Structures are given as structure tokens and as C-alpha cells.
Amino acid sequence: MSDQRAPEYFADLISNVSHANGVFRITFAEQEAENNVSDTVRLLIPANQLQNVMQGIANAATEIRDKMQQAQAATGEADATMGSPAAEEEATEKKGKKKT
């Protein structure tokens, strides 16, 4: 394994998602000013791997959240910025809508 680190990019939103020739292209962007968005990097994912990649990200986010909640419970601190991963919140909202 190489000692060289992968480049890092800051992105706080997804500006575009497209699909062509069996590849999803996800463009990440950064909100620079009130109405100014600048593309940061584009991620290319083979369509047959998209579900695995998305599930991996969701699982990692859940694991990190759980570890942070355990650490906060041990120290008695609360962090107002902690929440549920968006996919989990969306699933909860859909369940709530189906019951009504």
C-alpha cells in the first residue's frame, strides 16, 4: 500500500447527478456565497456498484453517529449538531406518512 494520501475535497452539497453509459456522475460543490455555488469534484461510480457505495456511506454514518452518542453518554455531554443520517430521517418520515 502506498504512503501517498488521496486528495481531499470539501463539499457541502451535491450540485448534479447524471447517468450515462452505465456510470453515475455525482458532482459535489461548495456554497461559497449566498447564491454562489462552485463545483468541487465529480465522483464516477459504475451503476452496478452505486447501491453498494451508498449503503457503505450510510452504514459508516450510522456507525460514527452511534460511537459519538456512546461517547457523549459516557461524558454526559449533548451535541445539538448530532442528528440522524438523512437516509434514516427520510425512512422515518415515510413510515410516519404511511400510517396516517
PDB file of N, CA and C in Angstrom:
ATOM      1  N   MET A   1       0.840  -1.186   0.000  1.00  0.00           N
ATOM      2  CA  MET A   1       0.000   0.000   0.000  1.00  0.00           C
ATOM      3  C   MET A   1       0.881   1.245   0.000  1.00  0.00           C
ATOM      4  N   SER A   2       0.497   2.225  -0.727  1.00  0.00           N
ATOM      5  CA  SER A   2       1.274   3.448  -0.867  1.00  0.00           C
ATOM      6  C   SER A   2       1.116   4.346   0.354  1.00  0.00           C
ATOM      7  N   ASP A   3       2.172   5.090   0.655  1.00  0.00           N
ATOM      8  CA  ASP A   3       2.114   6.064   1.747  1.00  0.00           C
ATOM      9  C   ASP A   3       1.466   7.364   1.296  1.00  0.00           C
ATOM     10  N   GLN A   4       1.201   7.468   0.001  1.00  0.00           N
ATOM     11  CA  GLN A   4       0.608   8.682  -0.536  1.00  0.00           C
ATOM     12  C   GLN A   4      -0.876   8.736  -0.178  1.00  0.00           C
ATOM     13  N   ARG A   5      -1.313   9.881   0.333  1.00  0.00           N
ATOM     14  CA  ARG A   5      -2.715  10.055   0.712  1.00  0.00           C
ATOM     15  C   ARG A   5      -3.545  10.496  -0.485  1.00  0.00           C
ATOM     16  N   ALA A   6      -4.790  10.094  -0.461  1.00  0.00           N
ATOM     17  CA  ALA A   6      -5.726  10.517  -1.508  1.00  0.00           C
ATOM     18  C   ALA A   6      -6.019  12.006  -1.333  1.00  0.00           C
ATOM     19  N   PRO A   7      -6.274  12.717  -2.428  1.00  0.00           N
ATOM     20  CA  PRO A   7      -6.610  14.138  -2.289  1.00  0.00           C
ATOM     21  C   PRO A   7      -7.920  14.305  -1.524  1.00  0.00           C
ATOM     22  N   GLU A   8      -8.020  15.400  -0.807  1.00  0.00           N
ATOM     23  CA  GLU A   8      -9.227  15.701  -0.036  1.00  0.00           C
ATOM     24  C   GLU A   8      -9.900  16.933  -0.619  1.00  0.00           C
ATOM     25  N   TYR A   9     -11.231  16.893  -0.642  1.00  0.00           N
ATOM     26  CA  TYR A   9     -12.017  17.997  -1.169  1.00  0.00           C
ATOM     27  C   TYR A   9     -13.116  18.316  -0.174  1.00  0.00           C
ATOM     28  N   PHE A  10     -13.424  19.599  -0.016  1.00  0.00           N
ATOM     29  CA  PHE A  10     -14.544  19.998   0.824  1.00  0.00           C
ATOM     30  C   PHE A  10     -15.758  20.201  -0.070  1.00  0.00           C
ATOM     31  N   ALA A  11     -16.874  19.615   0.330  1.00  0.00           N
ATOM     32  CA  ALA A  11     -18.131  19.809  -0.391  1.00  0.00           C
ATOM     33  C   ALA A  11     -19.253  19.812   0.631  1.00  0.00           C
ATOM     34  N   ASP A  12     -20.188  20.734   0.488  1.00  0.00           N
ATOM     35  CA  ASP A  12     -21.320  20.758   1.404  1.00  0.00           C
ATOM     36  C   ASP A  12     -22.656  20.572   0.694  1.00  0.00           C
ATOM     37  N   LEU A  13     -22.596  20.209  -0.587  1.00  0.00           N
ATOM     38  CA  LEU A  13     -23.831  19.880  -1.297  1.00  0.00           C
ATOM     39  C   LEU A  13     -23.510  19.114  -2.573  1.00  0.00           C
ATOM     40  N   ILE A  14     -24.529  18.496  -3.118  1.00  0.00           N
ATOM     41  CA  ILE A  14     -24.420  17.811  -4.405  1.00  0.00           C
ATOM     42  C   ILE A  14     -25.085  18.722  -5.429  1.00  0.00           C
ATOM     43  N   SER A  15     -24.318  19.125  -6.440  1.00  0.00           N
ATOM     44  CA  SER A  15     -24.873  20.060  -7.421  1.00  0.00           C
ATOM     45  C   SER A  15     -25.512  19.363  -8.612  1.00  0.00           C
ATOM     46  N   ASN A  16     -25.100  18.109  -8.890  1.00  0.00           N
ATOM     47  CA  ASN A  16     -25.669  17.426 -10.044  1.00  0.00           C
ATOM     48  C   ASN A  16     -25.426  15.925  -9.937  1.00  0.00           C
ATOM     49  N   VAL A  17     -26.395  15.157 -10.400  1.00  0.00           N
ATOM     50  CA  VAL A  17     -26.248  13.706 -10.537  1.00  0.00           C
ATOM     51  C   VAL A  17     -26.758  13.351 -11.924  1.00  0.00           C
ATOM     52  N   SER A  18     -25.932  12.615 -12.675  1.00  0.00           N
ATOM     53  CA  SER A  18     -26.356  12.187 -14.003  1.00  0.00           C
ATOM     54  C   SER A  18     -25.913  10.747 -14.225  1.00  0.00           C
ATOM     55  N   HIS A  19     -26.496  10.131 -15.248  1.00  0.00           N
ATOM     56  CA  HIS A  19     -26.170   8.745 -15.575  1.00  0.00           C
ATOM     57  C   HIS A  19     -26.039   8.632 -17.085  1.00  0.00           C
ATOM     58  N   ALA A  20     -24.938   8.040 -17.520  1.00  0.00           N
ATOM     59  CA  ALA A  20     -24.727   7.778 -18.948  1.00  0.00           C
ATOM     60  C   ALA A  20     -23.749   6.629 -19.086  1.00  0.00           C
ATOM     61  N   ASN A  21     -24.014   5.763 -20.038  1.00  0.00           N
ATOM     62  CA  ASN A  21     -23.114   4.651 -20.348  1.00  0.00           C
ATOM     63  C   ASN A  21     -22.774   3.793 -19.129  1.00  0.00           C
ATOM     64  N   GLY A  22     -23.751   3.577 -18.272  1.00  0.00           N
ATOM     65  CA  GLY A  22     -23.547   2.700 -17.127  1.00  0.00           C
ATOM     66  C   GLY A  22     -22.749   3.299 -15.989  1.00  0.00           C
ATOM     67  N   VAL A  23     -22.587   4.618 -15.987  1.00  0.00           N
ATOM     68  CA  VAL A  23     -21.810   5.278 -14.939  1.00  0.00           C
ATOM     69  C   VAL A  23     -22.611   6.455 -14.374  1.00  0.00           C
ATOM     70  N   PHE A  24     -22.721   6.502 -13.044  1.00  0.00           N
ATOM     71  CA  PHE A  24     -23.312   7.660 -12.381  1.00  0.00           C
ATOM     72  C   PHE A  24     -22.219   8.690 -12.169  1.00  0.00           C
ATOM     73  N   ARG A  25     -22.538   9.937 -12.439  1.00  0.00           N
ATOM     74  CA  ARG A  25     -21.617  11.045 -12.222  1.00  0.00           C
ATOM     75  C   ARG A  25     -22.248  11.949 -11.175  1.00  0.00           C
ATOM     76  N   ILE A  26     -21.603  12.023 -10.031  1.00  0.00           N
ATOM     77  CA  ILE A  26     -22.115  12.823  -8.919  1.00  0.00           C
ATOM     78  C   ILE A  26     -21.169  13.998  -8.731  1.00  0.00           C
ATOM     79  N   THR A  27     -21.681  15.205  -8.945  1.00  0.00           N
ATOM     80  CA  THR A  27     -20.860  16.406  -8.816  1.00  0.00           C
ATOM     81  C   THR A  27     -21.120  17.037  -7.456  1.00  0.00           C
ATOM     82  N   PHE A  28     -20.059  17.139  -6.676  1.00  0.00           N
ATOM     83  CA  PHE A  28     -20.124  17.766  -5.361  1.00  0.00           C
ATOM     84  C   PHE A  28     -19.707  19.223  -5.504  1.00  0.00           C
ATOM     85  N   ALA A  29     -20.271  20.081  -4.664  1.00  0.00           N
ATOM     86  CA  ALA A  29     -19.989  21.512  -4.763  1.00  0.00           C
ATOM     87  C   ALA A  29     -19.874  22.125  -3.376  1.00  0.00           C
ATOM     88  N   GLU A  30     -19.439  23.371  -3.391  1.00  0.00           N
ATOM     89  CA  GLU A  30     -19.266  24.137  -2.161  1.00  0.00           C
ATOM     90  C   GLU A  30     -20.053  25.433  -2.281  1.00  0.00           C
ATOM     91  N   GLN A  31     -20.813  25.745  -1.238  1.00  0.00           N
ATOM     92  CA  GLN A  31     -21.553  27.006  -1.186  1.00  0.00           C
ATOM     93  C   GLN A  31     -20.561  28.082  -0.767  1.00  0.00           C
ATOM     94  N   GLU A  32     -20.209  28.972  -1.686  1.00  0.00           N
ATOM     95  CA  GLU A  32     -19.199  29.990  -1.395  1.00  0.00           C
ATOM     96  C   GLU A  32     -19.801  31.274  -0.850  1.00  0.00           C
ATOM     97  N   ALA A  33     -20.866  31.727  -1.442  1.00  0.00           N
ATOM     98  CA  ALA A  33     -21.539  32.944  -1.010  1.00  0.00           C
ATOM     99  C   ALA A  33     -23.034  32.684  -1.079  1.00  0.00           C
ATOM    100  N   GLU A  34     -23.809  33.688  -0.784  1.00  0.00           N
ATOM    101  CA  GLU A  34     -25.255  33.500  -0.677  1.00  0.00           C
ATOM    102  C   GLU A  34     -25.855  32.708  -1.835  1.00  0.00           C
ATOM    103  N   ASN A  35     -25.607  33.105  -3.052  1.00  0.00           N
ATOM    104  CA  ASN A  35     -26.147  32.384  -4.211  1.00  0.00           C
ATOM    105  C   ASN A  35     -25.050  31.923  -5.155  1.00  0.00           C
ATOM    106  N   ASN A  36     -23.864  31.674  -4.634  1.00  0.00           N
ATOM    107  CA  ASN A  36     -22.737  31.274  -5.469  1.00  0.00           C
ATOM    108  C   ASN A  36     -22.275  29.878  -5.073  1.00  0.00           C
ATOM    109  N   VAL A  37     -22.439  28.931  -5.993  1.00  0.00           N
ATOM    110  CA  VAL A  37     -22.035  27.544  -5.763  1.00  0.00           C
ATOM    111  C   VAL A  37     -20.910  27.217  -6.730  1.00  0.00           C
ATOM    112  N   SER A  38     -19.861  26.588  -6.206  1.00  0.00           N
ATOM    113  CA  SER A  38     -18.712  26.228  -7.028  1.00  0.00           C
ATOM    114  C   SER A  38     -18.513  24.717  -6.994  1.00  0.00           C
ATOM    115  N   ASP A  39     -18.495  24.080  -8.173  1.00  0.00           N
ATOM    116  CA  ASP A  39     -18.250  22.640  -8.231  1.00  0.00           C
ATOM    117  C   ASP A  39     -16.866  22.337  -7.674  1.00  0.00           C
ATOM    118  N   THR A  40     -16.777  21.265  -6.894  1.00  0.00           N
ATOM    119  CA  THR A  40     -15.528  20.893  -6.242  1.00  0.00           C
ATOM    120  C   THR A  40     -14.895  19.679  -6.899  1.00  0.00           C
ATOM    121  N   VAL A  41     -15.680  18.612  -7.048  1.00  0.00           N
ATOM    122  CA  VAL A  41     -15.151  17.366  -7.599  1.00  0.00           C
ATOM    123  C   VAL A  41     -16.310  16.539  -8.139  1.00  0.00           C
ATOM    124  N   ARG A  42     -16.027  15.696  -9.134  1.00  0.00           N
ATOM    125  CA  ARG A  42     -17.046  14.796  -9.666  1.00  0.00           C
ATOM    126  C   ARG A  42     -16.617  13.364  -9.375  1.00  0.00           C
ATOM    127  N   LEU A  43     -17.521  12.600  -8.812  1.00  0.00           N
ATOM    128  CA  LEU A  43     -17.279  11.205  -8.471  1.00  0.00           C
ATOM    129  C   LEU A  43     -17.974  10.332  -9.507  1.00  0.00           C
ATOM    130  N   LEU A  44     -17.236   9.400 -10.101  1.00  0.00           N
ATOM    131  CA  LEU A  44     -17.795   8.484 -11.094  1.00  0.00           C
ATOM    132  C   LEU A  44     -17.951   7.115 -10.451  1.00  0.00           C
ATOM    133  N   ILE A  45     -19.178   6.589 -10.466  1.00  0.00           N
ATOM    134  CA  ILE A  45     -19.464   5.296  -9.844  1.00  0.00           C
ATOM    135  C   ILE A  45     -20.175   4.415 -10.866  1.00  0.00           C
ATOM    136  N   PRO A  46     -19.654   3.209 -11.120  1.00  0.00           N
ATOM    137  CA  PRO A  46     -20.358   2.295 -12.024  1.00  0.00           C
ATOM    138  C   PRO A  46     -21.772   2.039 -11.490  1.00  0.00           C
ATOM    139  N   ALA A  47     -22.744   2.034 -12.383  1.00  0.00           N
ATOM    140  CA  ALA A  47     -24.139   1.877 -11.973  1.00  0.00           C
ATOM    141  C   ALA A  47     -24.364   0.614 -11.158  1.00  0.00           C
ATOM    142  N   ASN A  48     -23.657  -0.467 -11.489  1.00  0.00           N
ATOM    143  CA  ASN A  48     -23.864  -1.716 -10.755  1.00  0.00           C
ATOM    144  C   ASN A  48     -23.238  -1.690  -9.361  1.00  0.00           C
ATOM    145  N   GLN A  49     -22.515  -0.633  -9.019  1.00  0.00           N
ATOM    146  CA  GLN A  49     -21.909  -0.511  -7.693  1.00  0.00           C
ATOM    147  C   GLN A  49     -22.518   0.619  -6.863  1.00  0.00           C
ATOM    148  N   LEU A  50     -23.430   1.395  -7.454  1.00  0.00           N
ATOM    149  CA  LEU A  50     -23.985   2.559  -6.755  1.00  0.00           C
ATOM    150  C   LEU A  50     -24.656   2.170  -5.442  1.00  0.00           C
ATOM    151  N   GLN A  51     -25.471   1.130  -5.456  1.00  0.00           N
ATOM    152  CA  GLN A  51     -26.167   0.720  -4.241  1.00  0.00           C
ATOM    153  C   GLN A  51     -25.168   0.341  -3.147  1.00  0.00           C
ATOM    154  N   ASN A  52     -24.111  -0.394  -3.504  1.00  0.00           N
ATOM    155  CA  ASN A  52     -23.105  -0.781  -2.513  1.00  0.00           C
ATOM    156  C   ASN A  52     -22.392   0.435  -1.931  1.00  0.00           C
ATOM    157  N   VAL A  53     -22.053   1.393  -2.782  1.00  0.00           N
ATOM    158  CA  VAL A  53     -21.368   2.600  -2.319  1.00  0.00           C
ATOM    159  C   VAL A  53     -22.274   3.392  -1.382  1.00  0.00           C
ATOM    160  N   MET A  54     -23.524   3.589  -1.785  1.00  0.00           N
ATOM    161  CA  MET A  54     -24.460   4.355  -0.956  1.00  0.00           C
ATOM    162  C   MET A  54     -24.718   3.659   0.377  1.00  0.00           C
ATOM    163  N   GLN A  55     -24.862   2.337   0.350  1.00  0.00           N
ATOM    164  CA  GLN A  55     -25.078   1.583   1.585  1.00  0.00           C
ATOM    165  C   GLN A  55     -23.854   1.684   2.491  1.00  0.00           C
ATOM    166  N   GLY A  56     -22.664   1.635   1.902  1.00  0.00           N
ATOM    167  CA  GLY A  56     -21.437   1.771   2.677  1.00  0.00           C
ATOM    168  C   GLY A  56     -21.342   3.121   3.366  1.00  0.00           C
ATOM    169  N   ILE A  57     -21.712   4.181   2.662  1.00  0.00           N
ATOM    170  CA  ILE A  57     -21.700   5.521   3.251  1.00  0.00           C
ATOM    171  C   ILE A  57     -22.729   5.612   4.372  1.00  0.00           C
ATOM    172  N   ALA A  58     -23.939   5.095   4.137  1.00  0.00           N
ATOM    173  CA  ALA A  58     -24.987   5.130   5.165  1.00  0.00           C
ATOM    174  C   ALA A  58     -24.570   4.336   6.397  1.00  0.00           C
ATOM    175  N   ASN A  59     -23.978   3.163   6.194  1.00  0.00           N
ATOM    176  CA  ASN A  59     -23.526   2.348   7.328  1.00  0.00           C
ATOM    177  C   ASN A  59     -22.430   3.055   8.112  1.00  0.00           C
ATOM    178  N   ALA A  60     -21.490   3.674   7.403  1.00  0.00           N
ATOM    179  CA  ALA A  60     -20.406   4.392   8.074  1.00  0.00           C
ATOM    180  C   ALA A  60     -20.957   5.565   8.881  1.00  0.00           C
ATOM    181  N   ALA A  61     -21.907   6.309   8.311  1.00  0.00           N
ATOM    182  CA  ALA A  61     -22.502   7.441   9.019  1.00  0.00           C
ATOM    183  C   ALA A  61     -23.227   6.975  10.274  1.00  0.00           C
ATOM    184  N   THR A  62     -23.951   5.872  10.176  1.00  0.00           N
ATOM    185  CA  THR A  62     -24.659   5.327  11.336  1.00  0.00           C
ATOM    186  C   THR A  62     -23.672   4.881  12.405  1.00  0.00           C
ATOM    187  N   GLU A  63     -22.601   4.217  11.999  1.00  0.00           N
ATOM    188  CA  GLU A  63     -21.594   3.745  12.956  1.00  0.00           C
ATOM    189  C   GLU A  63     -20.912   4.916  13.670  1.00  0.00           C
ATOM    190  N   ILE A  64     -20.567   5.950  12.924  1.00  0.00           N
ATOM    191  CA  ILE A  64     -19.941   7.134  13.521  1.00  0.00           C
ATOM    192  C   ILE A  64     -20.902   7.810  14.483  1.00  0.00           C
ATOM    193  N   ARG A  65     -22.167   7.968  14.069  1.00  0.00           N
ATOM    194  CA  ARG A  65     -23.167   8.588  14.944  1.00  0.00           C
ATOM    195  C   ARG A  65     -23.322   7.803  16.234  1.00  0.00           C
ATOM    196  N   ASP A  66     -23.407   6.470  16.126  1.00  0.00           N
ATOM    197  CA  ASP A  66     -23.565   5.630  17.314  1.00  0.00           C
ATOM    198  C   ASP A  66     -22.377   5.764  18.257  1.00  0.00           C
ATOM    199  N   LYS A  67     -21.170   5.775  17.709  1.00  0.00           N
ATOM    200  CA  LYS A  67     -19.972   5.924  18.542  1.00  0.00           C
ATOM    201  C   LYS A  67     -19.950   7.276  19.234  1.00  0.00           C
ATOM    202  N   MET A  68     -20.356   8.323  18.520  1.00  0.00           N
ATOM    203  CA  MET A  68     -20.385   9.659  19.122  1.00  0.00           C
ATOM    204  C   MET A  68     -21.434   9.734  20.220  1.00  0.00           C
ATOM    205  N   GLN A  69     -22.588   9.121  20.004  1.00  0.00           N
ATOM    206  CA  GLN A  69     -23.628   9.115  21.026  1.00  0.00           C
ATOM    207  C   GLN A  69     -23.182   8.348  22.259  1.00  0.00           C
ATOM    208  N   GLN A  70     -22.474   7.235  22.063  1.00  0.00           N
ATOM    209  CA  GLN A  70     -21.953   6.473  23.198  1.00  0.00           C
ATOM    210  C   GLN A  70     -20.931   7.296  23.970  1.00  0.00           C
ATOM    211  N   ALA A  71     -20.062   7.986  23.261  1.00  0.00           N
ATOM    212  CA  ALA A  71     -19.053   8.820  23.914  1.00  0.00           C
ATOM    213  C   ALA A  71     -19.714   9.958  24.675  1.00  0.00           C
ATOM    214  N   GLN A  72     -20.754  10.559  24.103  1.00  0.00           N
ATOM    215  CA  GLN A  72     -21.461  11.646  24.773  1.00  0.00           C
ATOM    216  C   GLN A  72     -22.199  11.141  26.000  1.00  0.00           C
ATOM    217  N   ALA A  73     -22.785   9.955  25.898  1.00  0.00           N
ATOM    218  CA  ALA A  73     -23.492   9.382  27.046  1.00  0.00           C
ATOM    219  C   ALA A  73     -22.512   9.104  28.181  1.00  0.00           C
ATOM    220  N   ALA A  74     -21.308   8.677  27.837  1.00  0.00           N
ATOM    221  CA  ALA A  74     -20.296   8.378  28.852  1.00  0.00           C
ATOM    222  C   ALA A  74     -19.815   9.647  29.545  1.00  0.00           C
ATOM    223  N   THR A  75     -19.769  10.765  28.813  1.00  0.00           N
ATOM    224  CA  THR A  75     -19.292  12.015  29.404  1.00  0.00           C
ATOM    225  C   THR A  75     -20.433  12.909  29.868  1.00  0.00           C
ATOM    226  N   GLY A  76     -21.655  12.574  29.482  1.00  0.00           N
ATOM    227  CA  GLY A  76     -22.815  13.369  29.878  1.00  0.00           C
ATOM    228  C   GLY A  76     -22.995  14.630  29.060  1.00  0.00           C
ATOM    229  N   GLU A  77     -22.285  14.743  27.954  1.00  0.00           N
ATOM    230  CA  GLU A  77     -22.406  15.922  27.098  1.00  0.00           C
ATOM    231  C   GLU A  77     -23.433  15.672  26.007  1.00  0.00           C
ATOM    232  N   ALA A  78     -24.071  16.749  25.568  1.00  0.00           N
ATOM    233  CA  ALA A  78     -25.018  16.660  24.455  1.00  0.00           C
ATOM    234  C   ALA A  78     -24.522  17.563  23.344  1.00  0.00           C
ATOM    235  N   ASP A  79     -24.703  17.138  22.128  1.00  0.00           N
ATOM    236  CA  ASP A  79     -24.279  17.911  20.967  1.00  0.00           C
ATOM    237  C   ASP A  79     -25.497  18.172  20.096  1.00  0.00           C
ATOM    238  N   ALA A  80     -25.899  19.421  20.021  1.00  0.00           N
ATOM    239  CA  ALA A  80     -27.090  19.783  19.247  1.00  0.00           C
ATOM    240  C   ALA A  80     -26.895  19.551  17.756  1.00  0.00           C
ATOM    241  N   THR A  81     -25.657  19.433  17.298  1.00  0.00           N
ATOM    242  CA  THR A  81     -25.425  19.222  15.870  1.00  0.00           C
ATOM    243  C   THR A  81     -25.606  17.777  15.469  1.00  0.00           C
ATOM    244  N   MET A  82     -25.688  16.877  16.428  1.00  0.00           N
ATOM    245  CA  MET A  82     -25.864  15.461  16.108  1.00  0.00           C
ATOM    246  C   MET A  82     -27.293  15.228  15.654  1.00  0.00           C
ATOM    247  N   GLY A  83     -27.440  14.409  14.670  1.00  0.00           N
ATOM    248  CA  GLY A  83     -28.755  14.052  14.178  1.00  0.00           C
ATOM    249  C   GLY A  83     -28.706  12.680  13.572  1.00  0.00           C
ATOM    250  N   SER A  84     -29.737  12.347  12.865  1.00  0.00           N
ATOM    251  CA  SER A  84     -29.775  11.065  12.173  1.00  0.00           C
ATOM    252  C   SER A  84     -29.266  11.260  10.761  1.00  0.00           C
ATOM    253  N   PRO A  85     -28.655  10.227  10.184  1.00  0.00           N
ATOM    254  CA  PRO A  85     -28.297  10.337   8.773  1.00  0.00           C
ATOM    255  C   PRO A  85     -29.549  10.638   7.958  1.00  0.00           C
ATOM    256  N   ALA A  86     -29.407  11.412   6.903  1.00  0.00           N
ATOM    257  CA  ALA A  86     -30.554  11.836   6.099  1.00  0.00           C
ATOM    258  C   ALA A  86     -31.382  10.660   5.618  1.00  0.00           C
ATOM    259  N   ALA A  87     -30.740   9.579   5.223  1.00  0.00           N
ATOM    260  CA  ALA A  87     -31.478   8.411   4.737  1.00  0.00           C
ATOM    261  C   ALA A  87     -32.357   7.835   5.838  1.00  0.00           C
ATOM    262  N   GLU A  88     -31.857   7.841   7.068  1.00  0.00           N
ATOM    263  CA  GLU A  88     -32.636   7.322   8.186  1.00  0.00           C
ATOM    264  C   GLU A  88     -33.820   8.236   8.483  1.00  0.00           C
ATOM    265  N   GLU A  89     -33.594   9.558   8.453  1.00  0.00           N
ATOM    266  CA  GLU A  89     -34.677  10.507   8.691  1.00  0.00           C
ATOM    267  C   GLU A  89     -35.749  10.373   7.617  1.00  0.00           C
ATOM    268  N   GLU A  90     -35.320  10.209   6.370  1.00  0.00           N
ATOM    269  CA  GLU A  90     -36.256  10.077   5.258  1.00  0.00           C
ATOM    270  C   GLU A  90     -37.109   8.826   5.428  1.00  0.00           C
ATOM    271  N   ALA A  91     -36.496   7.723   5.833  1.00  0.00           N
ATOM    272  CA  ALA A  91     -37.234   6.477   6.041  1.00  0.00           C
ATOM    273  C   ALA A  91     -38.243   6.642   7.169  1.00  0.00           C
ATOM    274  N   THR A  92     -37.852   7.336   8.227  1.00  0.00           N
ATOM    275  CA  THR A  92     -38.749   7.567   9.354  1.00  0.00           C
ATOM    276  C   THR A  92     -39.930   8.425   8.920  1.00  0.00           C
ATOM    277  N   GLU A  93     -39.655   9.465   8.119  1.00  0.00           N
ATOM    278  CA  GLU A  93     -40.728  10.328   7.629  1.00  0.00           C
ATOM    279  C   GLU A  93     -41.699   9.544   6.759  1.00  0.00           C
ATOM    280  N   LYS A  94     -41.187   8.683   5.884  1.00  0.00           N
ATOM    281  CA  LYS A  94     -42.051   7.891   5.007  1.00  0.00           C
ATOM    282  C   LYS A  94     -42.926   6.954   5.820  1.00  0.00           C
ATOM    283  N   LYS A  95     -42.361   6.339   6.860  1.00  0.00           N
ATOM    284  CA  LYS A  95     -43.147   5.449   7.714  1.00  0.00           C
ATOM    285  C   LYS A  95     -44.268   6.223   8.385  1.00  0.00           C
ATOM    286  N   GLY A  96     -43.958   7.434   8.853  1.00  0.00           N
ATOM    287  CA  GLY A  96     -44.961   8.257   9.515  1.00  0.00           C
ATOM    288  C   GLY A  96     -46.083   8.647   8.579  1.00  0.00           C
ATOM    289  N   LYS A  97     -45.758   8.918   7.329  1.00  0.00           N
ATOM    290  CA  LYS A  97     -46.766   9.308   6.345  1.00  0.00           C
ATOM    291  C   LYS A  97     -47.667   8.145   5.987  1.00  0.00           C
ATOM    292  N   LYS A  98     -47.131   6.937   5.955  1.00  0.00           N
ATOM    293  CA  LYS A  98     -47.928   5.772   5.584  1.00  0.00           C
ATOM    294  C   LYS A  98     -48.965   5.443   6.648  1.00  0.00           C
ATOM    295  N   LYS A  99     -48.654   5.732   7.905  1.00  0.00           N
ATOM    296  CA  LYS A  99     -49.557   5.387   8.994  1.00  0.00           C
ATOM    297  C   LYS A  99     -50.747   6.324   9.080  1.00  0.00           C
ATOM    298  N   THR A 100     -50.637   7.536   8.525  1.00  0.00           N
ATOM    299  CA  THR A 100     -51.737   8.488   8.639  1.00  0.00           C
ATOM    300  C   THR A 100     -52.728   8.343   7.537  1.00  0.00           C
TER     301      THR A 100
END
